[in-house]
Amino acid sequence: MNFLLKNALRNIILIFAIIYCNISIAQIPNWNMESWTTTNKDIPSQWLTFGAITKVSPGQTGSYAVKLQGNNSQDFNNGPGAILYGTPNGNNFDGGTPFTARPDSMVCYLKYSIDAGDTAWVIISMKKNGVAISNDLYLYTGSNTSSFKRMSFKINFMSGVNPDTMFIGFTSTIPNSGSGSQINTKSWVILDNISFTGTTQNIPNPDFENWTTQSTYSLNGWENKISSTGSNVMRTTDVYAGTYAMKLQGYTQTGTNSNNGNWGPTFPVTSTPISLKGFYKFIPQNGDSLDIYIGLWKNGQGVGGGGINSQSTVNTYTPFLVPINYNSTPPQVPDSATIQIQFRSGNNPRGLSIAYIDNLSFDQFIYSSIVTNTRQISQINVYPNPTSSLMNVKFDLKSSENVSIIIYDLKGQQMIKLTDAFFESGTYDLNYNINTLSCGIYTLVTHSGTTILHSKVLVIK
């Protein structure tokens, strides 16, 4: 075959590879996590907020007051309409603001309109060394919309010691009435000028004159699950490729956004993929696992899917592969799919685990452009490949740097850490025994500085 024919054939193969690669990624919404929508929200400084919290003017005496109202939409304003010093924990209250006096009562000024059958809450809890020395809950209903009303709430101490912390909370609706569409969005409260009788000590920002702007980034094409402190789907510049990646933290489940959070078809597909691929990092806490699922549908009926579970710490972006199994042979060509990524079992993790996701695709890994002519490791060679037990890794290191070499299986589970040590600049030819690996295809990830290299390793017996 002459040179021109070989060159033409190579170009044709390359074109088909590019077309196939584009097909594999184009069907997944925002596959590279690059598209985000920014939403800005004003919140009262130093207060923890839930629901639709807005700045209103004028206040009872100053420029501003705060309005509390429930919100059941799936965005970072989701919640029952509440502001707190401290964090609710079931029937207990964690944290709070430092407070050492023993006031007789708390005074505030309110406008409100509470829906029939609903109640607004006021919670005051004094603590000493984390133990409650007062726990007061006050409920009120009705309507007072024309002018601010002075209201007083007595503090009932259960011991004679002075507190060191106060938990304080105000809600516009019953906070434990439910979530989503069950949250009452008709009730509202406007609050201003909190003070205490029997002491001059006060809480920070009691008159809501100080506000800060909170920016939240929503990942386009994906549903953003909400926690008490905001979205658990966050934008990060800690990426495998490009400018941004998805960061999941806390109790998080995410799926494409067109199916109202339910497990079902959410984005169209036009092929029959055999795997979902991508790159991830995972820092688990308290035994949490990271679960990645793919489901495929035809006319609303499930025709295939798959999932993987990772429990190991993965500190470097590592490829993962989710095999897709179909319900029939030959498989029905699906018309839609959805992807879910979650910790442990949906919104019930054991710890504040963190995961990073980037470059999702069907069937073909979309590798990073991070490896350029400025890469730390300028050359790497893995041999013999295939191998049954012994393997050499040869590389050139441009300058002194820490080098880690780790073998992962296709599910992203770490199998063997070959090295994680500091090397002087130079050429290295390292020999390893990998006879503990069973037959199969593995990924060898070499990480040094900003350079990440992936090499396929075939083990045969």
Protein backbone atom coordinates (compact mmCIF):
# COMPACT_ATOMS: atom_id res chain seq x y z
CA MET A 1 0.00 0.00 0.00
CA ASN A 2 1.59 3.30 -1.07
CA PHE A 3 2.08 6.28 1.23
CA LEU A 4 -0.84 8.34 -0.13
CA LEU A 5 -3.28 5.46 0.29
CA LYS A 6 -2.04 4.76 3.82
CA ASN A 7 -2.37 8.43 4.70
CA ALA A 8 -5.90 8.65 3.27
CA LEU A 9 -6.96 5.51 5.13
CA ARG A 10 -5.53 6.89 8.37
CA ASN A 11 -7.46 10.16 7.89
CA ILE A 12 -10.70 8.28 7.20
CA ILE A 13 -10.25 6.22 10.39
CA LEU A 14 -9.51 9.41 12.33
CA ILE A 15 -12.63 11.12 11.00
CA PHE A 16 -14.81 8.16 11.98
CA ALA A 17 -13.19 8.08 15.41
CA ILE A 18 -13.94 11.78 15.91
CA ILE A 19 -17.54 11.36 14.73
CA TYR A 20 -18.04 8.36 17.02
CA CYS A 21 -16.45 10.22 19.92
CA ASN A 22 -18.78 13.20 19.37
CA ILE A 23 -21.81 10.90 19.24
CA SER A 24 -20.73 9.26 22.49
CA ILE A 25 -20.65 12.54 24.40
CA ALA A 26 -23.20 14.77 22.65
CA GLN A 27 -26.14 12.81 24.01
CA ILE A 28 -25.22 13.47 27.68
CA PRO A 29 -26.30 16.95 28.80
CA ASN A 30 -23.35 19.14 29.78
CA TRP A 31 -21.07 16.09 29.66
CA ASN A 32 -17.92 18.10 30.47
CA MET A 33 -19.52 20.16 33.31
CA GLU A 34 -18.57 23.46 31.64
CA SER A 35 -21.99 25.18 31.51
CA TRP A 36 -23.30 26.79 34.74
CA THR A 37 -25.92 29.39 35.64
CA THR A 38 -25.07 31.91 38.37
CA THR A 39 -27.76 33.03 40.83
CA ASN A 40 -27.14 35.77 43.39
CA LYS A 41 -29.07 35.97 46.64
CA ASP A 42 -28.93 38.57 49.43
CA ILE A 43 -28.87 36.97 52.89
CA PRO A 44 -28.70 38.61 56.35
CA SER A 45 -25.11 38.50 57.55
CA GLN A 46 -24.24 35.78 60.08
CA TRP A 47 -27.70 34.12 59.95
CA LEU A 48 -28.35 30.64 58.54
CA THR A 49 -31.27 30.84 56.10
CA PHE A 50 -33.85 28.45 54.65
CA GLY A 51 -36.51 29.05 52.02
CA ALA A 52 -37.24 32.37 50.30
CA ILE A 53 -35.44 34.95 52.44
CA THR A 54 -35.66 38.53 51.13
CA LYS A 55 -34.52 41.99 52.18
CA VAL A 56 -37.43 44.43 52.63
CA SER A 57 -37.40 48.17 53.19
CA PRO A 58 -38.00 50.09 55.35
CA GLY A 59 -37.54 48.22 58.62
CA GLN A 60 -39.22 48.94 61.94
CA THR A 61 -36.65 51.67 62.62
CA GLY A 62 -33.71 51.19 60.23
CA SER A 63 -33.38 50.70 56.49
CA TYR A 64 -34.10 46.96 56.31
CA ALA A 65 -36.01 44.04 57.78
CA VAL A 66 -36.06 40.39 56.73
CA LYS A 67 -38.99 38.53 55.16
CA LEU A 68 -39.38 34.77 55.66
CA GLN A 69 -41.47 32.64 53.30
CA GLY A 70 -41.49 28.98 52.30
CA ASN A 71 -40.27 27.88 48.90
CA ASN A 72 -40.88 24.44 47.37
CA SER A 73 -39.05 24.89 44.06
CA GLN A 74 -35.96 22.74 43.46
CA ASP A 75 -33.35 25.48 43.77
CA PHE A 76 -31.05 26.69 46.51
CA ASN A 77 -33.90 28.76 48.06
CA ASN A 78 -35.80 25.55 48.85
CA GLY A 79 -37.06 25.30 52.45
CA PRO A 80 -39.73 26.24 55.01
CA GLY A 81 -38.84 29.95 55.39
CA ALA A 82 -36.57 30.29 58.43
CA ILE A 83 -33.53 32.10 59.82
CA LEU A 84 -31.40 30.65 62.60
CA TYR A 85 -28.39 31.12 64.78
CA GLY A 86 -27.33 27.48 65.02
CA THR A 87 -28.26 24.30 63.18
CA PRO A 88 -31.34 22.10 63.75
CA ASN A 89 -30.59 18.46 64.51
CA GLY A 90 -33.88 16.62 64.92
CA ASN A 91 -35.38 17.83 68.20
CA ASN A 92 -31.99 19.19 69.30
CA PHE A 93 -30.10 22.31 68.25
CA ASP A 94 -26.39 22.46 67.47
CA GLY A 95 -24.14 25.49 67.57
CA GLY A 96 -25.58 28.95 68.04
CA THR A 97 -24.12 32.34 68.92
CA PRO A 98 -22.08 33.18 72.06
CA PHE A 99 -24.33 34.57 74.81
CA THR A 100 -23.51 34.79 78.53
CA ALA A 101 -26.38 36.80 80.07
CA ARG A 102 -29.64 35.56 81.63
CA PRO A 103 -32.33 37.70 79.98
CA ASP A 104 -35.95 37.66 81.11
CA SER A 105 -37.38 37.58 77.61
CA MET A 106 -36.69 38.21 73.96
CA VAL A 107 -38.40 41.11 72.18
CA CYS A 108 -38.84 41.56 68.42
CA TYR A 109 -41.05 43.41 65.93
CA LEU A 110 -43.16 41.47 63.44
CA LYS A 111 -45.51 41.75 60.51
CA TYR A 112 -47.05 38.46 59.46
CA SER A 113 -49.74 36.65 57.53
CA ILE A 114 -50.07 33.01 58.59
CA ASP A 115 -52.19 30.74 56.40
CA ALA A 116 -55.20 28.98 57.97
CA GLY A 117 -54.09 25.78 59.71
CA ASP A 118 -50.45 26.88 59.71
CA THR A 119 -48.32 28.35 62.52
CA ALA A 120 -45.14 30.41 62.70
CA TRP A 121 -42.50 29.39 65.25
CA VAL A 122 -40.10 31.18 67.57
CA ILE A 123 -37.40 28.98 69.17
CA ILE A 124 -35.06 30.09 71.98
CA SER A 125 -32.60 27.68 73.58
CA MET A 126 -29.85 28.62 76.05
CA LYS A 127 -26.95 26.18 76.56
CA LYS A 128 -23.98 25.76 78.85
CA ASN A 129 -21.16 23.51 77.62
CA GLY A 130 -23.54 22.10 75.04
CA VAL A 131 -26.26 21.21 77.58
CA ALA A 132 -29.61 23.04 77.35
CA ILE A 133 -30.50 25.19 80.36
CA SER A 134 -33.63 26.58 78.65
CA ASN A 135 -35.79 25.34 75.78
CA ASP A 136 -38.68 27.56 74.70
CA LEU A 137 -40.93 27.17 71.69
CA TYR A 138 -43.63 29.75 70.88
CA LEU A 139 -46.26 29.47 68.15
CA TYR A 140 -48.41 32.22 66.69
CA THR A 141 -51.02 32.49 63.95
CA GLY A 142 -53.31 35.06 62.36
CA SER A 143 -52.47 38.24 60.49
CA ASN A 144 -50.78 41.55 61.24
CA THR A 145 -49.82 43.20 57.98
CA SER A 146 -50.26 46.97 58.40
CA SER A 147 -47.49 47.88 60.89
CA PHE A 148 -44.81 46.20 62.98
CA LYS A 149 -46.10 44.61 66.18
CA ARG A 150 -43.94 44.35 69.30
CA MET A 151 -43.94 40.77 70.61
CA SER A 152 -42.22 39.40 73.71
CA PHE A 153 -41.24 35.79 74.44
CA LYS A 154 -40.31 34.74 77.98
CA ILE A 155 -37.15 32.69 78.56
CA ASN A 156 -37.68 29.92 81.11
CA PHE A 157 -34.43 28.76 82.68
CA MET A 158 -34.20 25.24 84.06
CA SER A 159 -31.09 25.91 86.20
CA GLY A 160 -29.28 28.79 87.84
CA VAL A 161 -26.12 28.74 85.71
CA ASN A 162 -25.31 31.33 83.09
CA PRO A 163 -25.36 30.19 79.45
CA ASP A 164 -22.43 30.32 77.04
CA THR A 165 -24.44 29.86 73.83
CA MET A 166 -27.86 30.73 72.44
CA PHE A 167 -29.74 28.97 69.66
CA ILE A 168 -32.46 31.21 68.20
CA GLY A 169 -34.79 30.57 65.27
CA PHE A 170 -37.77 32.11 63.50
CA THR A 171 -39.98 30.37 60.92
CA SER A 172 -42.88 31.46 58.75
CA THR A 173 -44.46 28.01 58.68
CA ILE A 174 -44.37 24.67 60.49
CA PRO A 175 -40.77 23.67 59.70
CA ASN A 176 -41.25 19.89 59.94
CA SER A 177 -44.42 19.75 57.85
CA GLY A 178 -42.56 18.18 54.92
CA SER A 179 -40.50 19.11 51.92
CA GLY A 180 -41.02 19.90 48.29
CA SER A 181 -44.66 20.63 47.41
CA GLN A 182 -45.69 20.06 51.07
CA ILE A 183 -44.01 23.29 52.24
CA ASN A 184 -46.55 26.04 52.89
CA THR A 185 -45.62 28.99 50.68
CA LYS A 186 -48.60 31.21 51.58
CA SER A 187 -47.50 32.11 55.12
CA TRP A 188 -44.96 34.91 55.54
CA VAL A 189 -43.27 36.82 58.35
CA ILE A 190 -41.34 40.13 58.32
CA LEU A 191 -38.98 40.39 61.31
CA ASP A 192 -36.89 43.24 62.71
CA ASN A 193 -35.10 44.61 65.80
CA ILE A 194 -34.45 41.70 68.16
CA SER A 195 -33.44 42.57 71.74
CA PHE A 196 -33.55 41.12 75.26
CA THR A 197 -35.01 42.46 78.48
CA GLY A 198 -32.92 42.27 81.64
CA THR A 199 -29.61 42.67 79.77
CA THR A 200 -27.95 44.92 77.22
CA GLN A 201 -26.22 41.97 75.55
CA ASN A 202 -27.53 41.17 72.10
CA ILE A 203 -26.96 38.83 69.17
CA PRO A 204 -25.02 39.82 66.02
CA ASN A 205 -26.96 41.70 63.35
CA PRO A 206 -30.22 41.85 65.37
CA ASP A 207 -31.73 44.62 63.20
CA PHE A 208 -30.90 43.05 59.80
CA GLU A 209 -29.04 46.10 58.56
CA ASN A 210 -26.09 44.00 57.35
CA TRP A 211 -26.50 41.79 54.28
CA THR A 212 -24.15 39.77 52.09
CA THR A 213 -24.55 38.45 48.55
CA GLN A 214 -24.35 34.69 48.13
CA SER A 215 -23.62 33.34 44.65
CA THR A 216 -24.81 29.87 43.75
CA TYR A 217 -23.91 28.03 40.55
CA SER A 218 -26.41 25.61 38.99
CA LEU A 219 -25.12 22.91 36.66
CA ASN A 220 -27.09 23.28 33.44
CA GLY A 221 -28.79 20.11 32.24
CA TRP A 222 -28.66 18.53 35.70
CA GLU A 223 -30.87 18.62 38.75
CA ASN A 224 -29.34 20.37 41.74
CA LYS A 225 -30.29 18.64 44.99
CA ILE A 226 -30.59 20.93 48.00
CA SER A 227 -29.27 20.68 51.56
CA SER A 228 -29.86 22.94 54.54
CA THR A 229 -26.85 25.06 53.56
CA GLY A 230 -27.47 25.31 49.82
CA SER A 231 -26.87 23.29 46.70
CA ASN A 232 -24.85 20.09 47.03
CA VAL A 233 -23.94 20.28 43.33
CA MET A 234 -21.13 22.81 43.18
CA ARG A 235 -18.82 24.26 40.56
CA THR A 236 -15.12 23.60 41.04
CA THR A 237 -11.93 24.46 39.18
CA ASP A 238 -10.38 21.23 40.47
CA VAL A 239 -10.89 19.55 37.11
CA TYR A 240 -9.82 16.61 35.02
CA ALA A 241 -10.15 18.71 31.86
CA GLY A 242 -11.44 22.11 30.82
CA THR A 243 -12.33 24.94 33.23
CA TYR A 244 -14.92 23.39 35.58
CA ALA A 245 -16.00 20.07 37.03
CA MET A 246 -18.92 18.93 39.21
CA LYS A 247 -18.28 18.74 42.94
CA LEU A 248 -20.71 16.77 45.09
CA GLN A 249 -20.68 17.25 48.85
CA GLY A 250 -22.85 16.16 51.76
CA TYR A 251 -26.01 14.20 51.09
CA THR A 252 -26.33 14.48 47.35
CA GLN A 253 -28.20 12.83 44.54
CA THR A 254 -28.21 14.31 41.09
CA GLY A 255 -29.84 13.39 37.81
CA THR A 256 -30.67 15.13 34.57
CA ASN A 257 -33.27 17.77 35.20
CA SER A 258 -36.29 17.08 32.99
CA ASN A 259 -38.04 14.41 35.08
CA ASN A 260 -38.80 16.36 38.29
CA GLY A 261 -36.31 14.40 40.35
CA ASN A 262 -37.89 11.00 39.66
CA TRP A 263 -36.01 7.99 38.36
CA GLY A 264 -37.10 7.84 34.74
CA PRO A 265 -36.22 8.99 31.22
CA THR A 266 -34.72 12.48 31.21
CA PHE A 267 -32.62 13.06 28.07
CA PRO A 268 -32.80 11.62 24.54
CA VAL A 269 -30.37 9.05 23.14
CA THR A 270 -30.10 7.69 19.63
CA SER A 271 -27.71 4.77 20.05
CA THR A 272 -27.25 1.56 22.04
CA PRO A 273 -24.30 2.31 24.34
CA ILE A 274 -22.65 -0.54 26.19
CA SER A 275 -21.05 1.58 28.94
CA LEU A 276 -21.04 4.94 30.69
CA LYS A 277 -17.53 6.31 31.20
CA GLY A 278 -15.99 9.28 32.92
CA PHE A 279 -13.43 10.49 35.43
CA TYR A 280 -13.83 10.94 39.17
CA LYS A 281 -12.21 11.56 42.52
CA PHE A 282 -13.78 10.44 45.81
CA ILE A 283 -12.97 11.35 49.42
CA PRO A 284 -15.40 9.30 51.58
CA GLN A 285 -16.24 9.76 55.25
CA ASN A 286 -17.61 7.26 57.77
CA GLY A 287 -17.82 4.41 55.28
CA ASP A 288 -19.85 6.28 52.63
CA SER A 289 -19.86 4.88 49.11
CA LEU A 290 -20.22 6.63 45.78
CA ASP A 291 -22.87 5.14 43.49
CA ILE A 292 -23.11 5.93 39.77
CA TYR A 293 -26.16 4.67 37.84
CA ILE A 294 -27.30 4.78 34.23
CA GLY A 295 -30.81 3.86 33.10
CA LEU A 296 -32.11 3.50 29.53
CA TRP A 297 -35.75 3.65 28.37
CA LYS A 298 -37.86 2.99 25.31
CA ASN A 299 -41.33 4.58 25.19
CA GLY A 300 -41.15 5.11 28.94
CA GLN A 301 -40.25 1.48 29.73
CA GLY A 302 -36.85 0.46 31.08
CA VAL A 303 -34.78 -1.48 28.54
CA GLY A 304 -31.35 -1.48 30.22
CA GLY A 305 -29.03 0.04 32.75
CA GLY A 306 -26.17 -0.51 35.15
CA GLY A 307 -24.36 0.84 38.15
CA ILE A 308 -21.11 0.78 40.09
CA ASN A 309 -20.24 1.35 43.73
CA SER A 310 -16.96 2.83 44.96
CA GLN A 311 -15.91 2.82 48.61
CA SER A 312 -12.18 3.56 48.24
CA THR A 313 -10.52 6.94 48.55
CA VAL A 314 -9.47 8.19 45.10
CA ASN A 315 -7.38 11.35 45.36
CA THR A 316 -6.44 11.65 41.68
CA TYR A 317 -8.85 11.86 38.74
CA THR A 318 -9.37 8.27 37.70
CA PRO A 319 -11.41 6.72 34.89
CA PHE A 320 -14.54 4.75 35.77
CA LEU A 321 -16.68 2.47 33.63
CA VAL A 322 -20.32 1.52 34.24
CA PRO A 323 -21.26 -1.57 32.16
CA ILE A 324 -24.75 -1.34 30.64
CA ASN A 325 -26.86 -4.50 30.56
CA TYR A 326 -29.93 -4.76 28.35
CA ASN A 327 -33.15 -6.63 29.13
CA SER A 328 -33.39 -8.40 25.76
CA THR A 329 -31.27 -9.92 23.00
CA PRO A 330 -30.85 -8.19 20.66
CA PRO A 331 -31.25 -5.07 22.79
CA GLN A 332 -34.00 -2.59 22.08
CA VAL A 333 -32.59 0.73 20.89
CA PRO A 334 -33.43 3.18 23.70
CA ASP A 335 -34.89 6.61 23.10
CA SER A 336 -33.91 8.19 26.43
CA ALA A 337 -31.69 7.81 29.47
CA THR A 338 -30.86 9.25 32.88
CA ILE A 339 -27.76 9.32 35.06
CA GLN A 340 -27.76 9.43 38.85
CA ILE A 341 -24.76 10.05 41.08
CA GLN A 342 -25.25 9.72 44.82
CA PHE A 343 -23.62 8.94 48.14
CA ARG A 344 -24.58 5.71 49.87
CA SER A 345 -28.40 5.56 49.59
CA GLY A 346 -29.67 8.81 48.14
CA ASN A 347 -29.89 11.54 50.78
CA ASN A 348 -28.81 9.40 53.73
CA PRO A 349 -24.99 9.39 53.87
CA ARG A 350 -22.95 8.75 56.98
CA GLY A 351 -20.51 11.63 56.52
CA LEU A 352 -19.64 14.77 54.57
CA SER A 353 -18.09 12.92 51.65
CA ILE A 354 -16.84 14.70 48.53
CA ALA A 355 -16.78 13.52 44.93
CA TYR A 356 -15.61 15.17 41.71
CA ILE A 357 -17.04 14.21 38.30
CA ASP A 358 -15.83 15.25 34.84
CA ASN A 359 -15.92 14.24 31.15
CA LEU A 360 -18.86 11.80 31.02
CA SER A 361 -19.36 9.84 27.80
CA PHE A 362 -20.83 6.69 26.31
CA ASP A 363 -18.38 3.93 25.34
CA GLN A 364 -15.29 6.12 24.70
CA PHE A 365 -13.16 7.84 27.36
CA ILE A 366 -12.74 11.54 26.55
CA TYR A 367 -9.20 12.06 27.75
CA SER A 368 -7.82 15.30 29.15
CA SER A 369 -5.83 17.84 27.21
CA ILE A 370 -3.81 18.44 30.38
CA VAL A 371 -0.87 16.50 28.99
CA THR A 372 1.00 19.02 26.79
CA ASN A 373 4.58 19.78 25.88
CA THR A 374 4.97 21.34 29.36
CA ARG A 375 4.12 18.10 31.12
CA GLN A 376 6.28 16.98 34.02
CA ILE A 377 6.74 13.46 32.69
CA SER A 378 7.83 13.77 29.09
CA GLN A 379 7.78 10.07 28.21
CA ILE A 380 6.31 6.89 29.71
CA ASN A 381 6.49 3.27 28.58
CA VAL A 382 4.78 0.27 30.19
CA TYR A 383 6.20 -3.14 29.21
CA PRO A 384 5.74 -6.01 28.72
CA ASN A 385 2.11 -5.37 27.89
CA PRO A 386 0.28 -7.81 27.98
CA THR A 387 1.92 -9.28 31.07
CA SER A 388 1.21 -12.08 33.51
CA SER A 389 3.16 -10.97 36.59
CA LEU A 390 6.16 -8.65 36.04
CA MET A 391 5.82 -5.15 34.60
CA ASN A 392 8.22 -2.27 33.97
CA VAL A 393 7.27 1.41 34.03
CA LYS A 394 9.84 3.62 32.31
CA PHE A 395 9.54 7.41 32.34
CA ASP A 396 11.54 10.62 32.00
CA LEU A 397 11.04 13.19 34.77
CA LYS A 398 11.87 16.75 33.72
CA SER A 399 12.42 18.10 37.25
CA SER A 400 12.36 16.81 40.82
CA GLU A 401 8.78 15.99 41.83
CA ASN A 402 6.60 13.51 43.69
CA VAL A 403 5.41 10.68 41.44
CA SER A 404 2.50 8.36 42.16
CA ILE A 405 1.76 5.30 40.03
CA ILE A 406 -1.47 3.45 40.79
CA ILE A 407 -3.32 0.64 39.02
CA TYR A 408 -7.14 0.82 38.93
CA ASP A 409 -9.71 -1.60 37.59
CA LEU A 410 -12.30 -0.42 35.07
CA LYS A 411 -14.74 0.39 37.89
CA GLY A 412 -12.28 2.88 39.30
CA GLN A 413 -11.33 0.76 42.32
CA GLN A 414 -7.69 1.12 43.36
CA MET A 415 -5.96 -2.25 43.00
CA ILE A 416 -2.23 -1.62 43.59
CA LYS A 417 -0.28 1.50 44.52
CA LEU A 418 3.06 0.88 42.82
CA THR A 419 4.77 4.00 44.13
CA ASP A 420 4.08 7.35 45.76
CA ALA A 421 7.46 8.95 46.41
CA PHE A 422 9.73 11.87 45.60
CA PHE A 423 12.03 11.44 42.59
CA GLU A 424 14.91 13.56 41.36
CA SER A 425 14.85 14.56 37.70
CA GLY A 426 16.06 11.88 35.34
CA THR A 427 15.11 8.64 33.59
CA TYR A 428 13.65 5.75 35.59
CA ASP A 429 12.87 2.14 34.70
CA LEU A 430 10.95 0.64 37.63
CA ASN A 431 10.09 -3.04 37.96
CA TYR A 432 6.95 -4.28 39.74
CA ASN A 433 5.33 -7.62 40.50
CA ILE A 434 1.57 -7.49 39.79
CA ASN A 435 0.83 -11.22 40.00
CA THR A 436 -2.01 -10.53 42.47
CA LEU A 437 -4.09 -9.10 39.63
CA SER A 438 -6.49 -11.41 37.85
CA CYS A 439 -6.91 -11.49 34.09
CA GLY A 440 -8.38 -8.33 32.64
CA ILE A 441 -7.85 -4.76 31.50
CA TYR A 442 -6.59 -2.19 34.00
CA THR A 443 -5.70 1.50 33.97
CA LEU A 444 -2.29 2.63 35.20
CA VAL A 445 -2.44 6.27 36.34
CA THR A 446 0.83 8.17 36.65
CA HIS A 447 0.54 11.52 38.45
CA SER A 448 3.32 14.07 38.86
CA GLY A 449 2.74 17.79 39.46
CA THR A 450 0.06 18.89 36.99
CA THR A 451 0.65 15.90 34.70
CA ILE A 452 -1.74 12.93 34.71
CA LEU A 453 -1.09 10.07 32.31
CA HIS A 454 -3.32 7.03 31.73
CA SER A 455 -1.98 3.77 30.33
CA LYS A 456 -3.89 0.58 29.59
CA VAL A 457 -2.48 -2.63 31.08
CA LEU A 458 -3.61 -6.07 29.93
CA VAL A 459 -3.06 -8.91 32.41
CA ILE A 460 -3.11 -12.48 31.09
CA LYS A 461 -2.50 -15.76 32.93
